[in-house]
Amino acid sequence: MRNLFVIIMMIPMIAWAQVRVAKPAERVDEKVVPYDSTANYLDAIGHSEILRGYIGQEFYVLPKSEAFQKHDYSNFSREKTGYISGRIPYAELAEKTLRVVDVSHGGRTTYDRNYYLTLVDDSNNDTLYFQYPDYNTYFPFLVLGYKKKYEKTFKGKTFLFTGVERDDFSDFNTGKSVHLKPGDHWVFNEIIVVPQTGHSDEIRYLFSNSKGEHLALNEDNMVSKAKMDRLSKKYGQRLCNRALNLKIEIGMPKELVEIAWGEPKTINRSSYGEQWVYGEYGDNCVYFKSGKVTGWN
């Protein structure tokens, strides 16, 4: 009887010892938004399905000006886990082509909500991990698929200069001053890389005009003439000229505000309309109702 009691007492202990501690499978993001090559940097923070569209794309690592080469490249790591705050020596990455093979979420702690691109250098099978940034100025790549599509779409097409009248631009080939006015006609040639002193944005769009002048500008400095012709028929030349001069007004449609002020940092929607937020600190806003400007600050 005593032996039977001992056996009965042992049964819960045996059952307890058989509890299995299982590690759940990692989350798999199956949905993917295909990369259509119309943007170099994807504004996709918190949306891995958009970033996964980069998989298979080749990234050209932008070089730096000589003065900034000593700072190396940040936000890279050779380790898959952990915060990616280290640096890779400049000479190891500059002007290399890396292929995106994966997008992952989070590091070694549950507090890491960042996304990471897994990059492979096919020339030596080296694997790197890059923390995807919140702003395009910290994106040190030119996506070769984007470059190819942009040049195929716009090479030889006419663009219009947007901005105030100015003389502080220099001819890319001669260094001579170039006078610019809103609406001036320029023809797109190619995307080039020009290391900038003190700035991480080296991607430039090379244009030429009928005078034989050449300018290497940011994409935001120009707008397609074909697009402006379409908008002029839709909204009238006066409003289009306002947009080319970077000015907005009450009643202006969203399409022209985007030309005047560029794409907003964020868009807030409610039953009252939309709020477009501009600036790194969100200190400039444009308000819309039924697709037209009602005010700004």
Protein backbone atom coordinates (compact mmCIF):
# COMPACT_ATOMS: atom_id res chain seq x y z
CA MET A 1 0.00 0.00 0.00
CA ARG A 2 2.87 2.32 0.90
CA ASN A 3 4.56 1.59 -2.48
CA LEU A 4 1.31 2.37 -4.27
CA PHE A 5 1.15 5.76 -2.48
CA VAL A 6 4.71 6.57 -3.60
CA ILE A 7 3.87 5.71 -7.22
CA ILE A 8 0.75 7.89 -7.12
CA MET A 9 2.75 10.80 -5.71
CA MET A 10 5.30 10.49 -8.53
CA ILE A 11 2.74 10.72 -11.34
CA PRO A 12 2.37 14.55 -11.19
CA MET A 13 6.16 14.88 -11.12
CA ILE A 14 6.51 12.77 -14.26
CA ALA A 15 3.75 14.74 -16.00
CA TRP A 16 5.49 17.98 -15.02
CA ALA A 17 8.76 16.74 -16.49
CA GLN A 18 7.03 16.10 -19.81
CA VAL A 19 6.05 19.76 -20.37
CA ARG A 20 7.58 20.88 -23.71
CA VAL A 21 9.06 24.34 -24.04
CA ALA A 22 8.59 25.28 -27.71
CA LYS A 23 10.01 28.22 -29.61
CA PRO A 24 7.44 29.70 -32.03
CA ALA A 25 8.39 30.22 -35.65
CA GLU A 26 9.48 33.70 -36.62
CA ARG A 27 6.85 35.86 -38.25
CA VAL A 28 6.95 35.70 -42.03
CA ASP A 29 5.82 38.71 -44.05
CA GLU A 30 4.25 37.02 -47.06
CA LYS A 31 2.62 40.07 -48.61
CA VAL A 32 4.94 42.05 -50.88
CA VAL A 33 4.32 45.32 -52.68
CA PRO A 34 6.29 45.04 -55.96
CA TYR A 35 8.99 47.66 -56.45
CA ASP A 36 7.97 49.66 -59.54
CA SER A 37 11.31 51.52 -59.81
CA THR A 38 9.67 54.96 -59.69
CA ALA A 39 11.40 55.98 -56.45
CA ASN A 40 14.95 55.51 -55.19
CA TYR A 41 14.11 55.72 -51.47
CA LEU A 42 10.84 54.12 -50.38
CA ASP A 43 8.97 55.98 -47.64
CA ALA A 44 7.92 52.75 -45.99
CA ILE A 45 8.72 52.93 -42.26
CA GLY A 46 6.56 50.36 -40.48
CA HIS A 47 5.52 48.69 -43.72
CA SER A 48 7.74 45.71 -44.41
CA GLU A 49 5.52 44.67 -47.33
CA ILE A 50 6.73 47.79 -49.17
CA LEU A 51 10.38 47.34 -48.23
CA ARG A 52 10.29 43.70 -49.33
CA GLY A 53 9.75 45.00 -52.84
CA TYR A 54 13.46 45.86 -52.77
CA ILE A 55 14.39 42.16 -52.70
CA GLY A 56 16.35 41.31 -55.83
CA GLN A 57 17.27 44.95 -56.52
CA GLU A 58 20.89 46.08 -56.83
CA PHE A 59 22.09 49.01 -54.70
CA TYR A 60 25.06 51.14 -55.75
CA VAL A 61 26.82 52.53 -52.65
CA LEU A 62 27.19 56.29 -53.03
CA PRO A 63 30.73 57.64 -52.61
CA LYS A 64 31.57 60.53 -50.30
CA SER A 65 33.58 63.67 -50.80
CA GLU A 66 37.22 63.32 -49.75
CA ALA A 67 36.69 65.32 -46.57
CA PHE A 68 33.98 62.92 -45.37
CA GLN A 69 35.53 59.58 -46.32
CA LYS A 70 37.11 59.36 -42.86
CA HIS A 71 33.62 59.01 -41.32
CA ASP A 72 33.05 55.65 -43.03
CA TYR A 73 29.51 54.24 -43.52
CA SER A 74 27.11 54.07 -40.57
CA ASN A 75 24.05 51.88 -39.84
CA PHE A 76 25.76 48.80 -41.28
CA SER A 77 26.71 45.59 -39.48
CA ARG A 78 28.12 42.15 -40.27
CA GLU A 79 25.94 40.63 -37.54
CA LYS A 80 22.28 39.82 -38.08
CA THR A 81 21.19 40.43 -34.49
CA GLY A 82 21.59 43.47 -32.32
CA TYR A 83 21.39 47.18 -32.84
CA ILE A 84 23.10 48.19 -36.05
CA SER A 85 24.99 51.26 -34.99
CA GLY A 86 28.46 50.30 -36.14
CA ARG A 87 30.43 51.46 -39.13
CA ILE A 88 32.00 49.84 -42.17
CA PRO A 89 35.29 51.35 -43.43
CA TYR A 90 34.80 53.63 -46.41
CA ALA A 91 37.18 51.71 -48.69
CA GLU A 92 35.24 48.47 -48.15
CA LEU A 93 31.92 49.83 -49.43
CA ALA A 94 32.35 52.89 -51.63
CA GLU A 95 31.00 52.42 -55.18
CA LYS A 96 30.24 48.74 -54.64
CA THR A 97 27.07 47.10 -55.90
CA LEU A 98 25.09 45.16 -53.28
CA ARG A 99 22.06 42.94 -53.89
CA VAL A 100 19.08 42.92 -51.50
CA VAL A 101 18.19 39.35 -50.48
CA ASP A 102 15.94 39.85 -47.44
CA VAL A 103 14.12 42.30 -45.17
CA SER A 104 13.86 41.56 -41.45
CA HIS A 105 12.22 43.24 -38.48
CA GLY A 106 13.83 44.00 -35.12
CA GLY A 107 17.16 43.20 -33.50
CA ARG A 108 18.11 41.29 -30.40
CA THR A 109 15.60 42.99 -28.10
CA THR A 110 11.83 43.37 -28.25
CA TYR A 111 12.27 47.16 -28.19
CA ASP A 112 13.92 47.27 -31.60
CA ARG A 113 11.18 48.19 -34.08
CA ASN A 114 13.47 48.98 -37.00
CA TYR A 115 13.69 47.16 -40.32
CA TYR A 116 16.90 45.78 -41.75
CA LEU A 117 17.96 44.99 -45.30
CA THR A 118 20.18 41.96 -45.86
CA LEU A 119 22.68 42.84 -48.59
CA VAL A 120 25.07 40.56 -50.46
CA ASP A 121 28.20 41.56 -52.36
CA ASP A 122 28.25 39.00 -55.17
CA SER A 123 31.90 39.80 -55.95
CA ASN A 124 33.08 38.22 -52.69
CA ASN A 125 29.91 36.71 -51.11
CA ASP A 126 30.13 39.18 -48.23
CA THR A 127 26.85 39.70 -46.31
CA LEU A 128 25.92 42.96 -44.62
CA TYR A 129 22.89 44.22 -42.69
CA PHE A 130 21.64 47.79 -43.07
CA GLN A 131 19.20 49.57 -40.75
CA TYR A 132 16.59 51.25 -42.94
CA PRO A 133 16.49 55.02 -42.19
CA ASP A 134 13.53 57.32 -41.53
CA TYR A 135 14.75 59.90 -44.06
CA ASN A 136 16.15 59.61 -47.57
CA THR A 137 19.16 61.77 -46.67
CA TYR A 138 20.46 58.80 -44.67
CA PHE A 139 19.92 56.32 -47.52
CA PRO A 140 23.44 55.88 -49.01
CA PHE A 141 22.39 54.08 -52.18
CA LEU A 142 21.35 54.60 -55.77
CA VAL A 143 18.96 51.81 -56.74
CA LEU A 144 20.12 50.74 -60.19
CA GLY A 145 16.61 49.64 -61.19
CA TYR A 146 15.36 53.14 -60.45
CA LYS A 147 18.18 54.75 -62.46
CA LYS A 148 17.50 52.51 -65.45
CA LYS A 149 13.74 53.15 -65.47
CA TYR A 150 14.03 56.90 -64.92
CA GLU A 151 16.51 57.34 -67.77
CA LYS A 152 14.46 55.14 -70.08
CA THR A 153 11.32 57.15 -69.30
CA PHE A 154 12.69 60.71 -69.35
CA LYS A 155 15.92 60.82 -71.37
CA GLY A 156 15.54 63.56 -73.99
CA LYS A 157 12.29 64.87 -72.44
CA THR A 158 11.78 68.54 -71.57
CA PHE A 159 11.47 69.71 -67.95
CA LEU A 160 10.60 73.07 -66.40
CA PHE A 161 12.59 74.72 -63.61
CA THR A 162 10.63 75.28 -60.38
CA GLY A 163 11.75 77.94 -57.91
CA VAL A 164 12.63 81.60 -57.64
CA GLU A 165 14.71 83.49 -60.18
CA ARG A 166 18.37 83.01 -59.27
CA ASP A 167 21.99 83.17 -60.44
CA ASP A 168 23.71 80.97 -57.85
CA PHE A 169 23.82 77.75 -59.93
CA SER A 170 26.94 76.90 -61.92
CA ASP A 171 27.31 75.14 -65.26
CA PHE A 172 28.35 71.55 -64.51
CA ASN A 173 30.98 71.52 -67.27
CA THR A 174 32.38 75.08 -67.19
CA GLY A 175 31.63 76.38 -63.70
CA LYS A 176 30.14 79.57 -65.13
CA SER A 177 27.07 81.14 -63.51
CA VAL A 178 23.70 80.10 -64.95
CA HIS A 179 20.65 82.38 -64.76
CA LEU A 180 17.45 80.51 -63.91
CA LYS A 181 13.80 81.58 -64.07
CA PRO A 182 10.67 79.59 -63.12
CA GLY A 183 9.39 77.74 -66.19
CA ASP A 184 12.74 77.66 -68.04
CA HIS A 185 13.04 74.69 -70.40
CA TRP A 186 15.71 72.03 -69.78
CA VAL A 187 16.23 68.58 -71.33
CA PHE A 188 17.02 65.61 -69.10
CA ASN A 189 20.20 63.67 -69.94
CA GLU A 190 21.04 61.18 -67.18
CA ILE A 191 21.29 60.46 -63.45
CA ILE A 192 24.79 61.01 -62.13
CA VAL A 193 26.56 60.84 -58.76
CA VAL A 194 28.31 63.97 -57.50
CA PRO A 195 29.91 63.78 -54.02
CA GLN A 196 28.73 66.80 -52.03
CA THR A 197 30.79 68.48 -49.32
CA GLY A 198 28.96 68.18 -46.02
CA HIS A 199 25.88 66.44 -47.44
CA SER A 200 24.92 62.80 -47.94
CA ASP A 201 22.71 63.33 -51.00
CA GLU A 202 24.95 62.76 -54.04
CA ILE A 203 22.32 61.78 -56.61
CA ARG A 204 21.90 64.47 -59.24
CA TYR A 205 19.85 64.82 -62.43
CA LEU A 206 21.84 66.23 -65.35
CA PHE A 207 19.99 68.67 -67.65
CA SER A 208 21.00 70.77 -70.66
CA ASN A 209 19.35 73.69 -72.47
CA SER A 210 19.39 75.28 -75.91
CA LYS A 211 22.31 77.52 -74.86
CA GLY A 212 24.53 74.50 -74.32
CA GLU A 213 24.50 74.95 -70.53
CA HIS A 214 24.44 71.95 -68.19
CA LEU A 215 23.05 71.70 -64.66
CA ALA A 216 23.24 68.88 -62.11
CA LEU A 217 20.18 69.37 -59.89
CA ASN A 218 17.98 67.66 -57.33
CA GLU A 219 14.87 66.02 -58.77
CA ASP A 220 12.68 68.52 -56.87
CA ASN A 221 14.11 71.42 -58.89
CA MET A 222 12.41 70.25 -62.09
CA VAL A 223 9.00 69.07 -63.24
CA SER A 224 8.12 67.35 -66.51
CA LYS A 225 6.77 69.74 -69.16
CA ALA A 226 4.32 67.07 -70.30
CA LYS A 227 2.93 66.92 -66.77
CA MET A 228 2.64 70.69 -66.53
CA ASP A 229 0.90 70.88 -69.92
CA ARG A 230 -1.67 68.39 -68.66
CA LEU A 231 -2.18 70.30 -65.40
CA SER A 232 -2.42 73.60 -67.25
CA LYS A 233 -5.35 72.30 -69.31
CA LYS A 234 -6.98 71.00 -66.15
CA TYR A 235 -6.44 73.94 -63.76
CA GLY A 236 -5.33 76.88 -65.91
CA GLN A 237 -1.95 78.47 -66.59
CA ARG A 238 -2.17 81.02 -63.78
CA LEU A 239 -2.31 78.39 -61.03
CA CYS A 240 0.42 76.37 -62.72
CA ASN A 241 2.68 79.44 -62.81
CA ARG A 242 2.07 79.93 -59.09
CA ALA A 243 3.18 76.36 -58.45
CA LEU A 244 6.30 76.79 -60.61
CA ASN A 245 7.15 79.80 -58.42
CA LEU A 246 6.73 77.61 -55.29
CA LYS A 247 3.65 79.53 -54.20
CA ILE A 248 0.31 78.16 -53.03
CA GLU A 249 -3.07 79.82 -52.53
CA ILE A 250 -6.58 79.11 -51.28
CA GLY A 251 -8.39 76.79 -53.67
CA MET A 252 -5.21 75.35 -55.22
CA PRO A 253 -5.57 71.58 -55.95
CA LYS A 254 -3.31 69.02 -54.29
CA GLU A 255 -1.49 68.18 -57.53
CA LEU A 256 -0.15 71.73 -57.79
CA VAL A 257 0.68 71.98 -54.08
CA GLU A 258 2.89 68.91 -54.51
CA ILE A 259 4.77 70.71 -57.30
CA ALA A 260 5.12 73.90 -55.24
CA TRP A 261 6.05 72.39 -51.87
CA GLY A 262 6.94 68.82 -52.76
CA GLU A 263 5.67 65.62 -51.19
CA PRO A 264 4.59 66.02 -47.55
CA LYS A 265 6.39 64.26 -44.73
CA THR A 266 3.09 62.86 -43.47
CA ILE A 267 -0.60 63.12 -44.35
CA ASN A 268 -3.29 63.24 -41.65
CA ARG A 269 -6.88 62.53 -42.66
CA SER A 270 -10.13 63.17 -40.82
CA SER A 271 -13.78 63.93 -41.51
CA TYR A 272 -12.79 67.61 -41.79
CA GLY A 273 -10.31 67.03 -44.63
CA GLU A 274 -6.56 66.47 -44.95
CA GLN A 275 -3.48 67.97 -43.34
CA TRP A 276 -0.16 67.77 -45.20
CA VAL A 277 2.80 68.10 -42.85
CA TYR A 278 6.12 69.49 -44.08
CA GLY A 279 9.53 70.03 -42.53
CA GLU A 280 11.68 67.77 -40.40
CA TYR A 281 9.82 68.92 -37.28
CA GLY A 282 6.38 69.21 -38.86
CA ASP A 283 6.35 72.97 -38.46
CA ASN A 284 4.64 73.71 -41.81
CA CYS A 285 1.21 72.39 -42.70
CA VAL A 286 -1.25 72.73 -45.59
CA TYR A 287 -4.95 72.03 -45.05
CA PHE A 288 -7.34 70.65 -47.68
CA LYS A 289 -11.07 70.18 -48.05
CA SER A 290 -12.43 68.28 -51.05
CA GLY A 291 -8.92 68.22 -52.55
CA LYS A 292 -8.33 72.00 -52.46
CA VAL A 293 -6.31 74.25 -50.14
CA THR A 294 -8.24 75.86 -47.30
CA GLY A 295 -5.23 77.26 -45.42
CA TRP A 296 -1.60 76.76 -44.36
CA ASN A 297 0.95 77.80 -41.76
